Amino acid sequence: MKRDLTKTLFVILLPAVIWLFINATVNRHNHYLSGGYLISHAHPYDKTPQPSGTTGSHQHSESELLLISLVSDPVTTASILFMLCLFVIMVYRLFKTFTSLPVTIRNFYQVYNYHAPPGL
């Protein structure tokens, strides 16, 4: 059962990670903020040449630039996906524990001695 879950997560997440790396390579571009900062991020946008000779441009707010910069970084995204996988596995194990047969739960929480500890 555990191998099936691992294979399923692998099949689902591998294309997403590959797409993120391809996106980071193909669509990376820079924006200069008013404070002198340079934000480099990647997302699909219109790259068709404009009459002025430049490629298509687009605008972002500073908060959008920060979010896009964090999400488009492959290391950050891979870390978030890893933490998400751990969360899904944890929820799955909790669900599996609490939906088990009553005998399994009784054995898991079994009390071996019904007496209080000895007094001094």
PDB file of N, CA and C in Angstrom:
ATOM      1  N   MET A   1       0.830  -1.197   0.000  1.00  0.00           N
ATOM      2  CA  MET A   1       0.000   0.000   0.000  1.00  0.00           C
ATOM      3  C   MET A   1       0.875   1.261   0.000  1.00  0.00           C
ATOM      4  N   LYS A   2       1.961   1.227   0.791  1.00  0.00           N
ATOM      5  CA  LYS A   2       2.845   2.379   0.886  1.00  0.00           C
ATOM      6  C   LYS A   2       3.543   2.623  -0.457  1.00  0.00           C
ATOM      7  N   ARG A   3       3.929   1.540  -1.144  1.00  0.00           N
ATOM      8  CA  ARG A   3       4.585   1.682  -2.442  1.00  0.00           C
ATOM      9  C   ARG A   3       3.626   2.278  -3.467  1.00  0.00           C
ATOM     10  N   ASP A   4       2.341   1.902  -3.384  1.00  0.00           N
ATOM     11  CA  ASP A   4       1.352   2.455  -4.313  1.00  0.00           C
ATOM     12  C   ASP A   4       1.196   3.958  -4.108  1.00  0.00           C
ATOM     13  N   LEU A   5       1.167   4.398  -2.849  1.00  0.00           N
ATOM     14  CA  LEU A   5       1.054   5.827  -2.553  1.00  0.00           C
ATOM     15  C   LEU A   5       2.287   6.572  -3.053  1.00  0.00           C
ATOM     16  N   THR A   6       3.465   6.002  -2.844  1.00  0.00           N
ATOM     17  CA  THR A   6       4.704   6.633  -3.296  1.00  0.00           C
ATOM     18  C   THR A   6       4.725   6.738  -4.815  1.00  0.00           C
ATOM     19  N   LYS A   7       4.328   5.676  -5.507  1.00  0.00           N
ATOM     20  CA  LYS A   7       4.299   5.712  -6.968  1.00  0.00           C
ATOM     21  C   LYS A   7       3.295   6.735  -7.471  1.00  0.00           C
ATOM     22  N   THR A   8       2.139   6.803  -6.833  1.00  0.00           N
ATOM     23  CA  THR A   8       1.116   7.758  -7.247  1.00  0.00           C
ATOM     24  C   THR A   8       1.605   9.187  -7.064  1.00  0.00           C
ATOM     25  N   LEU A   9       2.206   9.495  -5.917  1.00  0.00           N
ATOM     26  CA  LEU A   9       2.742  10.842  -5.689  1.00  0.00           C
ATOM     27  C   LEU A   9       3.836  11.164  -6.693  1.00  0.00           C
ATOM     28  N   PHE A  10       4.673  10.191  -6.997  1.00  0.00           N
ATOM     29  CA  PHE A  10       5.752  10.394  -7.958  1.00  0.00           C
ATOM     30  C   PHE A  10       5.182  10.716  -9.337  1.00  0.00           C
ATOM     31  N   VAL A  11       4.183   9.966  -9.761  1.00  0.00           N
ATOM     32  CA  VAL A  11       3.581  10.172 -11.081  1.00  0.00           C
ATOM     33  C   VAL A  11       2.879  11.527 -11.152  1.00  0.00           C
ATOM     34  N   ILE A  12       2.297  11.957 -10.059  1.00  0.00           N
ATOM     35  CA  ILE A  12       1.596  13.243 -10.053  1.00  0.00           C
ATOM     36  C   ILE A  12       2.570  14.410  -9.985  1.00  0.00           C
ATOM     37  N   LEU A  13       3.593  14.308  -9.153  1.00  0.00           N
ATOM     38  CA  LEU A  13       4.476  15.446  -8.911  1.00  0.00           C
ATOM     39  C   LEU A  13       5.604  15.588  -9.924  1.00  0.00           C
ATOM     40  N   LEU A  14       6.039  14.504 -10.547  1.00  0.00           N
ATOM     41  CA  LEU A  14       7.146  14.598 -11.495  1.00  0.00           C
ATOM     42  C   LEU A  14       6.845  15.541 -12.659  1.00  0.00           C
ATOM     43  N   PRO A  15       5.678  15.433 -13.315  1.00  0.00           N
ATOM     44  CA  PRO A  15       5.405  16.401 -14.393  1.00  0.00           C
ATOM     45  C   PRO A  15       5.353  17.850 -13.903  1.00  0.00           C
ATOM     46  N   ALA A  16       4.842  18.064 -12.700  1.00  0.00           N
ATOM     47  CA  ALA A  16       4.782  19.430 -12.158  1.00  0.00           C
ATOM     48  C   ALA A  16       6.186  19.993 -11.943  1.00  0.00           C
ATOM     49  N   VAL A  17       7.080  19.202 -11.404  1.00  0.00           N
ATOM     50  CA  VAL A  17       8.451  19.664 -11.157  1.00  0.00           C
ATOM     51  C   VAL A  17       9.170  19.900 -12.478  1.00  0.00           C
ATOM     52  N   ILE A  18       8.980  19.004 -13.443  1.00  0.00           N
ATOM     53  CA  ILE A  18       9.603  19.192 -14.754  1.00  0.00           C
ATOM     54  C   ILE A  18       9.093  20.476 -15.402  1.00  0.00           C
ATOM     55  N   TRP A  19       7.761  20.710 -15.318  1.00  0.00           N
ATOM     56  CA  TRP A  19       7.212  21.941 -15.887  1.00  0.00           C
ATOM     57  C   TRP A  19       7.806  23.171 -15.208  1.00  0.00           C
ATOM     58  N   LEU A  20       7.987  23.126 -13.886  1.00  0.00           N
ATOM     59  CA  LEU A  20       8.553  24.277 -13.178  1.00  0.00           C
ATOM     60  C   LEU A  20       9.980  24.567 -13.639  1.00  0.00           C
ATOM     61  N   PHE A  21      10.781  23.528 -13.831  1.00  0.00           N
ATOM     62  CA  PHE A  21      12.152  23.745 -14.290  1.00  0.00           C
ATOM     63  C   PHE A  21      12.171  24.278 -15.726  1.00  0.00           C
ATOM     64  N   ILE A  22      11.300  23.755 -16.592  1.00  0.00           N
ATOM     65  CA  ILE A  22      11.235  24.256 -17.967  1.00  0.00           C
ATOM     66  C   ILE A  22      10.751  25.707 -17.967  1.00  0.00           C
ATOM     67  N   ASN A  23       9.729  26.015 -17.170  1.00  0.00           N
ATOM     68  CA  ASN A  23       9.222  27.377 -17.073  1.00  0.00           C
ATOM     69  C   ASN A  23      10.309  28.321 -16.576  1.00  0.00           C
ATOM     70  N   ALA A  24      11.074  27.893 -15.578  1.00  0.00           N
ATOM     71  CA  ALA A  24      12.139  28.739 -15.032  1.00  0.00           C
ATOM     72  C   ALA A  24      13.216  29.007 -16.078  1.00  0.00           C
ATOM     73  N   THR A  25      13.392  28.095 -17.017  1.00  0.00           N
ATOM     74  CA  THR A  25      14.397  28.275 -18.060  1.00  0.00           C
ATOM     75  C   THR A  25      13.872  29.122 -19.220  1.00  0.00           C
ATOM     76  N   VAL A  26      12.673  28.847 -19.671  1.00  0.00           N
ATOM     77  CA  VAL A  26      12.149  29.475 -20.882  1.00  0.00           C
ATOM     78  C   VAL A  26      11.572  30.869 -20.613  1.00  0.00           C
ATOM     79  N   ASN A  27      10.882  31.048 -19.519  1.00  0.00           N
ATOM     80  CA  ASN A  27      10.130  32.286 -19.277  1.00  0.00           C
ATOM     81  C   ASN A  27      10.765  33.231 -18.265  1.00  0.00           C
ATOM     82  N   ARG A  28      12.014  33.037 -17.897  1.00  0.00           N
ATOM     83  CA  ARG A  28      12.646  33.905 -16.900  1.00  0.00           C
ATOM     84  C   ARG A  28      12.878  35.295 -17.481  1.00  0.00           C
ATOM     85  N   HIS A  29      12.516  36.306 -16.688  1.00  0.00           N
ATOM     86  CA  HIS A  29      12.749  37.695 -17.066  1.00  0.00           C
ATOM     87  C   HIS A  29      12.861  38.537 -15.801  1.00  0.00           C
ATOM     88  N   ASN A  30      13.271  39.778 -15.975  1.00  0.00           N
ATOM     89  CA  ASN A  30      13.554  40.652 -14.834  1.00  0.00           C
ATOM     90  C   ASN A  30      12.618  41.852 -14.820  1.00  0.00           C
ATOM     91  N   HIS A  31      12.375  42.334 -13.601  1.00  0.00           N
ATOM     92  CA  HIS A  31      11.658  43.593 -13.401  1.00  0.00           C
ATOM     93  C   HIS A  31      12.482  44.426 -12.417  1.00  0.00           C
ATOM     94  N   TYR A  32      12.600  45.707 -12.692  1.00  0.00           N
ATOM     95  CA  TYR A  32      13.293  46.614 -11.790  1.00  0.00           C
ATOM     96  C   TYR A  32      12.258  47.350 -10.953  1.00  0.00           C
ATOM     97  N   LEU A  33      12.429  47.302  -9.633  1.00  0.00           N
ATOM     98  CA  LEU A  33      11.515  48.003  -8.734  1.00  0.00           C
ATOM     99  C   LEU A  33      11.979  49.433  -8.532  1.00  0.00           C
ATOM    100  N   SER A  34      11.083  50.269  -8.032  1.00  0.00           N
ATOM    101  CA  SER A  34      11.407  51.681  -7.838  1.00  0.00           C
ATOM    102  C   SER A  34      12.496  51.882  -6.786  1.00  0.00           C
ATOM    103  N   GLY A  35      12.630  50.949  -5.855  1.00  0.00           N
ATOM    104  CA  GLY A  35      13.646  51.061  -4.818  1.00  0.00           C
ATOM    105  C   GLY A  35      15.019  50.608  -5.268  1.00  0.00           C
ATOM    106  N   GLY A  36      15.161  50.252  -6.545  1.00  0.00           N
ATOM    107  CA  GLY A  36      16.448  49.830  -7.072  1.00  0.00           C
ATOM    108  C   GLY A  36      16.664  48.324  -7.033  1.00  0.00           C
ATOM    109  N   TYR A  37      15.673  47.576  -6.605  1.00  0.00           N
ATOM    110  CA  TYR A  37      15.798  46.118  -6.547  1.00  0.00           C
ATOM    111  C   TYR A  37      15.492  45.504  -7.902  1.00  0.00           C
ATOM    112  N   LEU A  38      16.146  44.401  -8.165  1.00  0.00           N
ATOM    113  CA  LEU A  38      15.894  43.633  -9.379  1.00  0.00           C
ATOM    114  C   LEU A  38      15.230  42.323  -8.977  1.00  0.00           C
ATOM    115  N   ILE A  39      14.039  42.072  -9.515  1.00  0.00           N
ATOM    116  CA  ILE A  39      13.322  40.826  -9.244  1.00  0.00           C
ATOM    117  C   ILE A  39      13.388  39.992 -10.511  1.00  0.00           C
ATOM    118  N   SER A  40      13.898  38.783 -10.385  1.00  0.00           N
ATOM    119  CA  SER A  40      13.940  37.855 -11.504  1.00  0.00           C
ATOM    120  C   SER A  40      12.923  36.762 -11.234  1.00  0.00           C
ATOM    121  N   HIS A  41      12.022  36.533 -12.179  1.00  0.00           N
ATOM    122  CA  HIS A  41      11.007  35.506 -11.997  1.00  0.00           C
ATOM    123  C   HIS A  41      10.625  34.925 -13.348  1.00  0.00           C
ATOM    124  N   ALA A  42       9.797  33.899 -13.304  1.00  0.00           N
ATOM    125  CA  ALA A  42       9.399  33.235 -14.542  1.00  0.00           C
ATOM    126  C   ALA A  42       7.911  32.949 -14.524  1.00  0.00           C
ATOM    127  N   HIS A  43       7.263  33.271 -15.615  1.00  0.00           N
ATOM    128  CA  HIS A  43       5.873  32.909 -15.861  1.00  0.00           C
ATOM    129  C   HIS A  43       5.606  33.158 -17.337  1.00  0.00           C
ATOM    130  N   PRO A  44       4.658  32.443 -17.908  1.00  0.00           N
ATOM    131  CA  PRO A  44       4.348  32.682 -19.318  1.00  0.00           C
ATOM    132  C   PRO A  44       3.765  34.083 -19.528  1.00  0.00           C
ATOM    133  N   TYR A  45       4.199  34.752 -20.569  1.00  0.00           N
ATOM    134  CA  TYR A  45       3.648  36.057 -20.923  1.00  0.00           C
ATOM    135  C   TYR A  45       3.831  36.253 -22.428  1.00  0.00           C
ATOM    136  N   ASP A  46       3.159  37.250 -22.958  1.00  0.00           N
ATOM    137  CA  ASP A  46       3.194  37.510 -24.394  1.00  0.00           C
ATOM    138  C   ASP A  46       4.561  38.058 -24.791  1.00  0.00           C
ATOM    139  N   LYS A  47       5.291  37.314 -25.627  1.00  0.00           N
ATOM    140  CA  LYS A  47       6.629  37.727 -26.045  1.00  0.00           C
ATOM    141  C   LYS A  47       6.666  38.213 -27.491  1.00  0.00           C
ATOM    142  N   THR A  48       5.511  38.433 -28.083  1.00  0.00           N
ATOM    143  CA  THR A  48       5.495  38.884 -29.472  1.00  0.00           C
ATOM    144  C   THR A  48       6.071  40.288 -29.574  1.00  0.00           C
ATOM    145  N   PRO A  49       6.834  40.542 -30.617  1.00  0.00           N
ATOM    146  CA  PRO A  49       7.439  41.878 -30.760  1.00  0.00           C
ATOM    147  C   PRO A  49       6.382  42.975 -30.905  1.00  0.00           C
ATOM    148  N   GLN A  50       6.629  44.076 -30.250  1.00  0.00           N
ATOM    149  CA  GLN A  50       5.756  45.249 -30.318  1.00  0.00           C
ATOM    150  C   GLN A  50       6.255  46.161 -31.448  1.00  0.00           C
ATOM    151  N   PRO A  51       5.442  47.127 -31.862  1.00  0.00           N
ATOM    152  CA  PRO A  51       5.893  48.064 -32.919  1.00  0.00           C
ATOM    153  C   PRO A  51       7.177  48.808 -32.536  1.00  0.00           C
ATOM    154  N   SER A  52       7.407  48.981 -31.228  1.00  0.00           N
ATOM    155  CA  SER A  52       8.616  49.701 -30.802  1.00  0.00           C
ATOM    156  C   SER A  52       9.863  48.842 -30.894  1.00  0.00           C
ATOM    157  N   GLY A  53       9.701  47.546 -31.215  1.00  0.00           N
ATOM    158  CA  GLY A  53      10.862  46.667 -31.353  1.00  0.00           C
ATOM    159  C   GLY A  53      11.166  45.861 -30.106  1.00  0.00           C
ATOM    160  N   THR A  54      10.481  46.152 -29.000  1.00  0.00           N
ATOM    161  CA  THR A  54      10.708  45.388 -27.778  1.00  0.00           C
ATOM    162  C   THR A  54       9.721  44.231 -27.710  1.00  0.00           C
ATOM    163  N   THR A  55       9.997  43.290 -26.836  1.00  0.00           N
ATOM    164  CA  THR A  55       9.054  42.194 -26.635  1.00  0.00           C
ATOM    165  C   THR A  55       7.885  42.684 -25.800  1.00  0.00           C
ATOM    166  N   GLY A  56       6.819  41.904 -25.770  1.00  0.00           N
ATOM    167  CA  GLY A  56       5.627  42.274 -25.012  1.00  0.00           C
ATOM    168  C   GLY A  56       5.954  42.560 -23.561  1.00  0.00           C
ATOM    169  N   SER A  57       5.323  43.549 -23.010  1.00  0.00           N
ATOM    170  CA  SER A  57       5.595  43.894 -21.612  1.00  0.00           C
ATOM    171  C   SER A  57       4.342  43.683 -20.783  1.00  0.00           C
ATOM    172  N   HIS A  58       4.520  43.603 -19.512  1.00  0.00           N
ATOM    173  CA  HIS A  58       3.415  43.426 -18.580  1.00  0.00           C
ATOM    174  C   HIS A  58       3.824  44.055 -17.259  1.00  0.00           C
ATOM    175  N   GLN A  59       2.855  44.340 -16.426  1.00  0.00           N
ATOM    176  CA  GLN A  59       3.104  45.022 -15.157  1.00  0.00           C
ATOM    177  C   GLN A  59       2.672  44.148 -13.992  1.00  0.00           C
ATOM    178  N   HIS A  60       3.357  44.301 -12.861  1.00  0.00           N
ATOM    179  CA  HIS A  60       3.017  43.624 -11.613  1.00  0.00           C
ATOM    180  C   HIS A  60       3.099  44.630 -10.481  1.00  0.00           C
ATOM    181  N   SER A  61       2.315  44.388  -9.415  1.00  0.00           N
ATOM    182  CA  SER A  61       2.509  45.170  -8.194  1.00  0.00           C
ATOM    183  C   SER A  61       3.736  44.603  -7.477  1.00  0.00           C
ATOM    184  N   GLU A  62       4.254  45.334  -6.488  1.00  0.00           N
ATOM    185  CA  GLU A  62       5.454  44.856  -5.797  1.00  0.00           C
ATOM    186  C   GLU A  62       5.180  43.574  -5.020  1.00  0.00           C
ATOM    187  N   SER A  63       3.977  43.435  -4.443  1.00  0.00           N
ATOM    188  CA  SER A  63       3.651  42.193  -3.729  1.00  0.00           C
ATOM    189  C   SER A  63       3.523  41.024  -4.695  1.00  0.00           C
ATOM    190  N   GLU A  64       2.973  41.260  -5.887  1.00  0.00           N
ATOM    191  CA  GLU A  64       2.910  40.206  -6.893  1.00  0.00           C
ATOM    192  C   GLU A  64       4.314  39.776  -7.314  1.00  0.00           C
ATOM    193  N   LEU A  65       5.205  40.745  -7.487  1.00  0.00           N
ATOM    194  CA  LEU A  65       6.576  40.416  -7.872  1.00  0.00           C
ATOM    195  C   LEU A  65       7.271  39.560  -6.821  1.00  0.00           C
ATOM    196  N   LEU A  66       7.051  39.883  -5.558  1.00  0.00           N
ATOM    197  CA  LEU A  66       7.663  39.097  -4.492  1.00  0.00           C
ATOM    198  C   LEU A  66       7.119  37.668  -4.496  1.00  0.00           C
ATOM    199  N   LEU A  67       5.806  37.527  -4.606  1.00  0.00           N
ATOM    200  CA  LEU A  67       5.192  36.198  -4.636  1.00  0.00           C
ATOM    201  C   LEU A  67       5.645  35.401  -5.856  1.00  0.00           C
ATOM    202  N   ILE A  68       5.628  36.019  -7.014  1.00  0.00           N
ATOM    203  CA  ILE A  68       6.051  35.328  -8.231  1.00  0.00           C
ATOM    204  C   ILE A  68       7.524  34.944  -8.144  1.00  0.00           C
ATOM    205  N   SER A  69       8.339  35.794  -7.576  1.00  0.00           N
ATOM    206  CA  SER A  69       9.760  35.490  -7.427  1.00  0.00           C
ATOM    207  C   SER A  69       9.964  34.264  -6.543  1.00  0.00           C
ATOM    208  N   LEU A  70       9.211  34.186  -5.443  1.00  0.00           N
ATOM    209  CA  LEU A  70       9.336  33.025  -4.556  1.00  0.00           C
ATOM    210  C   LEU A  70       8.831  31.747  -5.211  1.00  0.00           C
ATOM    211  N   VAL A  71       7.699  31.835  -5.879  1.00  0.00           N
ATOM    212  CA  VAL A  71       7.097  30.639  -6.474  1.00  0.00           C
ATOM    213  C   VAL A  71       7.885  30.160  -7.683  1.00  0.00           C
ATOM    214  N   SER A  72       8.462  31.057  -8.453  1.00  0.00           N
ATOM    215  CA  SER A  72       9.160  30.647  -9.663  1.00  0.00           C
ATOM    216  C   SER A  72      10.568  30.126  -9.386  1.00  0.00           C
ATOM    217  N   ASP A  73      11.064  30.258  -8.181  1.00  0.00           N
ATOM    218  CA  ASP A  73      12.370  29.702  -7.837  1.00  0.00           C
ATOM    219  C   ASP A  73      12.228  28.190  -7.683  1.00  0.00           C
ATOM    220  N   PRO A  74      12.931  27.395  -8.479  1.00  0.00           N
ATOM    221  CA  PRO A  74      12.759  25.936  -8.424  1.00  0.00           C
ATOM    222  C   PRO A  74      13.070  25.322  -7.055  1.00  0.00           C
ATOM    223  N   VAL A  75      14.068  25.841  -6.367  1.00  0.00           N
ATOM    224  CA  VAL A  75      14.424  25.281  -5.059  1.00  0.00           C
ATOM    225  C   VAL A  75      13.306  25.540  -4.051  1.00  0.00           C
ATOM    226  N   THR A  76      12.767  26.749  -4.037  1.00  0.00           N
ATOM    227  CA  THR A  76      11.668  27.066  -3.130  1.00  0.00           C
ATOM    228  C   THR A  76      10.441  26.225  -3.454  1.00  0.00           C
ATOM    229  N   THR A  77      10.126  26.109  -4.729  1.00  0.00           N
ATOM    230  CA  THR A  77       8.960  25.326  -5.137  1.00  0.00           C
ATOM    231  C   THR A  77       9.133  23.860  -4.800  1.00  0.00           C
ATOM    232  N   ALA A  78      10.328  23.312  -5.043  1.00  0.00           N
ATOM    233  CA  ALA A  78      10.577  21.910  -4.699  1.00  0.00           C
ATOM    234  C   ALA A  78      10.456  21.707  -3.189  1.00  0.00           C
ATOM    235  N   SER A  79      10.917  22.670  -2.403  1.00  0.00           N
ATOM    236  CA  SER A  79      10.792  22.567  -0.943  1.00  0.00           C
ATOM    237  C   SER A  79       9.331  22.597  -0.517  1.00  0.00           C
ATOM    238  N   ILE A  80       8.552  23.459  -1.126  1.00  0.00           N
ATOM    239  CA  ILE A  80       7.124  23.534  -0.801  1.00  0.00           C
ATOM    240  C   ILE A  80       6.428  22.234  -1.184  1.00  0.00           C
ATOM    241  N   LEU A  81       6.753  21.687  -2.351  1.00  0.00           N
ATOM    242  CA  LEU A  81       6.164  20.422  -2.775  1.00  0.00           C
ATOM    243  C   LEU A  81       6.560  19.280  -1.841  1.00  0.00           C
ATOM    244  N   PHE A  82       7.808  19.285  -1.378  1.00  0.00           N
ATOM    245  CA  PHE A  82       8.263  18.265  -0.437  1.00  0.00           C
ATOM    246  C   PHE A  82       7.480  18.352   0.868  1.00  0.00           C
ATOM    247  N   MET A  83       7.299  19.558   1.387  1.00  0.00           N
ATOM    248  CA  MET A  83       6.533  19.733   2.621  1.00  0.00           C
ATOM    249  C   MET A  83       5.071  19.338   2.411  1.00  0.00           C
ATOM    250  N   LEU A  84       4.521  19.634   1.244  1.00  0.00           N
ATOM    251  CA  LEU A  84       3.156  19.240   0.932  1.00  0.00           C
ATOM    252  C   LEU A  84       3.024  17.721   0.889  1.00  0.00           C
ATOM    253  N   CYS A  85       4.022  17.051   0.327  1.00  0.00           N
ATOM    254  CA  CYS A  85       4.017  15.574   0.304  1.00  0.00           C
ATOM    255  C   CYS A  85       4.050  15.020   1.723  1.00  0.00           C
ATOM    256  N   LEU A  86       4.899  15.589   2.567  1.00  0.00           N
ATOM    257  CA  LEU A  86       4.945  15.134   3.959  1.00  0.00           C
ATOM    258  C   LEU A  86       3.604  15.339   4.647  1.00  0.00           C
ATOM    259  N   PHE A  87       2.954  16.462   4.383  1.00  0.00           N
ATOM    260  CA  PHE A  87       1.644  16.733   4.969  1.00  0.00           C
ATOM    261  C   PHE A  87       0.609  15.720   4.491  1.00  0.00           C
ATOM    262  N   VAL A  88       0.607  15.423   3.195  1.00  0.00           N
ATOM    263  CA  VAL A  88      -0.350  14.448   2.648  1.00  0.00           C
ATOM    264  C   VAL A  88      -0.110  13.076   3.255  1.00  0.00           C
ATOM    265  N   ILE A  89       1.136  12.681   3.399  1.00  0.00           N
ATOM    266  CA  ILE A  89       1.455  11.380   4.002  1.00  0.00           C
ATOM    267  C   ILE A  89       0.992  11.346   5.450  1.00  0.00           C
ATOM    268  N   MET A  90       1.206  12.435   6.185  1.00  0.00           N
ATOM    269  CA  MET A  90       0.778  12.497   7.580  1.00  0.00           C
ATOM    270  C   MET A  90      -0.740  12.385   7.692  1.00  0.00           C
ATOM    271  N   VAL A  91      -1.467  13.116   6.850  1.00  0.00           N
ATOM    272  CA  VAL A  91      -2.929  13.053   6.879  1.00  0.00           C
ATOM    273  C   VAL A  91      -3.404  11.652   6.508  1.00  0.00           C
ATOM    274  N   TYR A  92      -2.765  11.042   5.522  1.00  0.00           N
ATOM    275  CA  TYR A  92      -3.123   9.688   5.116  1.00  0.00           C
ATOM    276  C   TYR A  92      -2.928   8.707   6.268  1.00  0.00           C
ATOM    277  N   ARG A  93      -1.803   8.813   6.965  1.00  0.00           N
ATOM    278  CA  ARG A  93      -1.547   7.891   8.087  1.00  0.00           C
ATOM    279  C   ARG A  93      -2.521   8.111   9.230  1.00  0.00           C
ATOM    280  N   LEU A  94      -2.851   9.369   9.514  1.00  0.00           N
ATOM    281  CA  LEU A  94      -3.843   9.633  10.558  1.00  0.00           C
ATOM    282  C   LEU A  94      -5.208   9.087  10.158  1.00  0.00           C
ATOM    283  N   PHE A  95      -5.587   9.282   8.910  1.00  0.00           N
ATOM    284  CA  PHE A  95      -6.860   8.759   8.420  1.00  0.00           C
ATOM    285  C   PHE A  95      -6.878   7.239   8.510  1.00  0.00           C
ATOM    286  N   LYS A  96      -5.765   6.632   8.128  1.00  0.00           N
ATOM    287  CA  LYS A  96      -5.668   5.176   8.167  1.00  0.00           C
ATOM    288  C   LYS A  96      -5.758   4.658   9.602  1.00  0.00           C
ATOM    289  N   THR A  97      -5.148   5.365  10.550  1.00  0.00           N
ATOM    290  CA  THR A  97      -5.181   4.953  11.952  1.00  0.00           C
ATOM    291  C   THR A  97      -6.587   5.059  12.531  1.00  0.00           C
ATOM    292  N   PHE A  98      -7.264   6.168  12.260  1.00  0.00           N
ATOM    293  CA  PHE A  98      -8.569   6.391  12.873  1.00  0.00           C
ATOM    294  C   PHE A  98      -9.720   5.698  12.152  1.00  0.00           C
ATOM    295  N   THR A  99      -9.467   5.155  10.977  1.00  0.00           N
ATOM    296  CA  THR A  99     -10.510   4.393  10.289  1.00  0.00           C
ATOM    297  C   THR A  99     -10.216   2.904  10.296  1.00  0.00           C
ATOM    298  N   SER A 100      -9.257   2.493  11.111  1.00  0.00           N
ATOM    299  CA  SER A 100      -8.924   1.077  11.203  1.00  0.00           C
ATOM    300  C   SER A 100     -10.000   0.327  11.969  1.00  0.00           C
ATOM    301  N   LEU A 101      -9.863  -0.972  11.970  1.00  0.00           N
ATOM    302  CA  LEU A 101     -10.790  -1.808  12.735  1.00  0.00           C
ATOM    303  C   LEU A 101     -10.671  -1.498  14.218  1.00  0.00           C
ATOM    304  N   PRO A 102     -11.755  -1.626  14.977  1.00  0.00           N
ATOM    305  CA  PRO A 102     -11.685  -1.355  16.417  1.00  0.00           C
ATOM    306  C   PRO A 102     -10.642  -2.218  17.132  1.00  0.00           C
ATOM    307  N   VAL A 103     -10.418  -3.447  16.675  1.00  0.00           N
ATOM    308  CA  VAL A 103      -9.416  -4.314  17.305  1.00  0.00           C
ATOM    309  C   VAL A 103      -8.030  -3.701  17.155  1.00  0.00           C
ATOM    310  N   THR A 104      -7.739  -3.164  15.996  1.00  0.00           N
ATOM    311  CA  THR A 104      -6.433  -2.546  15.763  1.00  0.00           C
ATOM    312  C   THR A 104      -6.250  -1.334  16.667  1.00  0.00           C
ATOM    313  N   ILE A 105      -7.275  -0.519  16.787  1.00  0.00           N
ATOM    314  CA  ILE A 105      -7.186   0.654  17.656  1.00  0.00           C
ATOM    315  C   ILE A 105      -7.058   0.217  19.108  1.00  0.00           C
ATOM    316  N   ARG A 106      -7.801  -0.803  19.515  1.00  0.00           N
ATOM    317  CA  ARG A 106      -7.720  -1.285  20.883  1.00  0.00           C
ATOM    318  C   ARG A 106      -6.315  -1.820  21.165  1.00  0.00           C
ATOM    319  N   ASN A 107      -5.714  -2.530  20.228  1.00  0.00           N
ATOM    320  CA  ASN A 107      -4.351  -3.029  20.421  1.00  0.00           C
ATOM    321  C   ASN A 107      -3.339  -1.890  20.438  1.00  0.00           C
ATOM    322  N   PHE A 108      -3.599  -0.847  19.656  1.00  0.00           N
ATOM    323  CA  PHE A 108      -2.684   0.291  19.608  1.00  0.00           C
ATOM    324  C   PHE A 108      -2.668   1.045  20.930  1.00  0.00           C
ATOM    325  N   TYR A 109      -3.821   1.187  21.560  1.00  0.00           N
ATOM    326  CA  TYR A 109      -3.945   1.919  22.820  1.00  0.00           C
ATOM    327  C   TYR A 109      -4.136   0.971  24.003  1.00  0.00           C
ATOM    328  N   GLN A 110      -3.616  -0.212  23.913  1.00  0.00           N
ATOM    329  CA  GLN A 110      -3.862  -1.211  24.948  1.00  0.00           C
ATOM    330  C   GLN A 110      -3.209  -0.820  26.273  1.00  0.00           C
ATOM    331  N   VAL A 111      -3.960  -1.024  27.343  1.00  0.00           N
ATOM    332  CA  VAL A 111      -3.461  -0.787  28.697  1.00  0.00           C
ATOM    333  C   VAL A 111      -3.083  -2.149  29.269  1.00  0.00           C
ATOM    334  N   TYR A 112      -1.858  -2.276  29.728  1.00  0.00           N
ATOM    335  CA  TYR A 112      -1.385  -3.576  30.195  1.00  0.00           C
ATOM    336  C   TYR A 112      -1.610  -3.783  31.685  1.00  0.00           C
ATOM    337  N   ASN A 113      -1.768  -2.714  32.442  1.00  0.00           N
ATOM    338  CA  ASN A 113      -1.924  -2.857  33.868  1.00  0.00           C
ATOM    339  C   ASN A 113      -3.011  -1.874  34.319  1.00  0.00           C
ATOM    340  N   TYR A 114      -4.063  -2.389  34.901  1.00  0.00           N
ATOM    341  CA  TYR A 114      -5.186  -1.535  35.286  1.00  0.00           C
ATOM    342  C   TYR A 114      -5.026  -0.963  36.706  1.00  0.00           C
ATOM    343  N   HIS A 115      -3.915  -1.166  37.342  1.00  0.00           N
ATOM    344  CA  HIS A 115      -3.701  -0.708  38.708  1.00  0.00           C
ATOM    345  C   HIS A 115      -2.918   0.596  38.719  1.00  0.00           C
ATOM    346  N   ALA A 116      -3.142   1.356  39.762  1.00  0.00           N
ATOM    347  CA  ALA A 116      -2.390   2.604  39.945  1.00  0.00           C
ATOM    348  C   ALA A 116      -0.950   2.258  40.310  1.00  0.00           C
ATOM    349  N   PRO A 117      -0.040   3.200  40.115  1.00  0.00           N
ATOM    350  CA  PRO A 117       1.341   2.940  40.506  1.00  0.00           C
ATOM    351  C   PRO A 117       1.439   2.788  42.026  1.00  0.00           C
ATOM    352  N   PRO A 118       2.430   2.041  42.471  1.00  0.00           N
ATOM    353  CA  PRO A 118       2.546   1.823  43.918  1.00  0.00           C
ATOM    354  C   PRO A 118       2.812   3.126  44.675  1.00  0.00           C
ATOM    355  N   GLY A 119       2.249   3.235  45.841  1.00  0.00           N
ATOM    356  CA  GLY A 119       2.432   4.430  46.665  1.00  0.00           C
ATOM    357  C   GLY A 119       3.722   4.343  47.466  1.00  0.00           C
ATOM    358  N   LEU A 120       4.146   5.444  47.943  1.00  0.00           N
ATOM    359  CA  LEU A 120       5.370   5.482  48.756  1.00  0.00           C
ATOM    360  C   LEU A 120       5.081   5.358  50.225  1.00  0.00           C
TER     361      LEU A 120
END
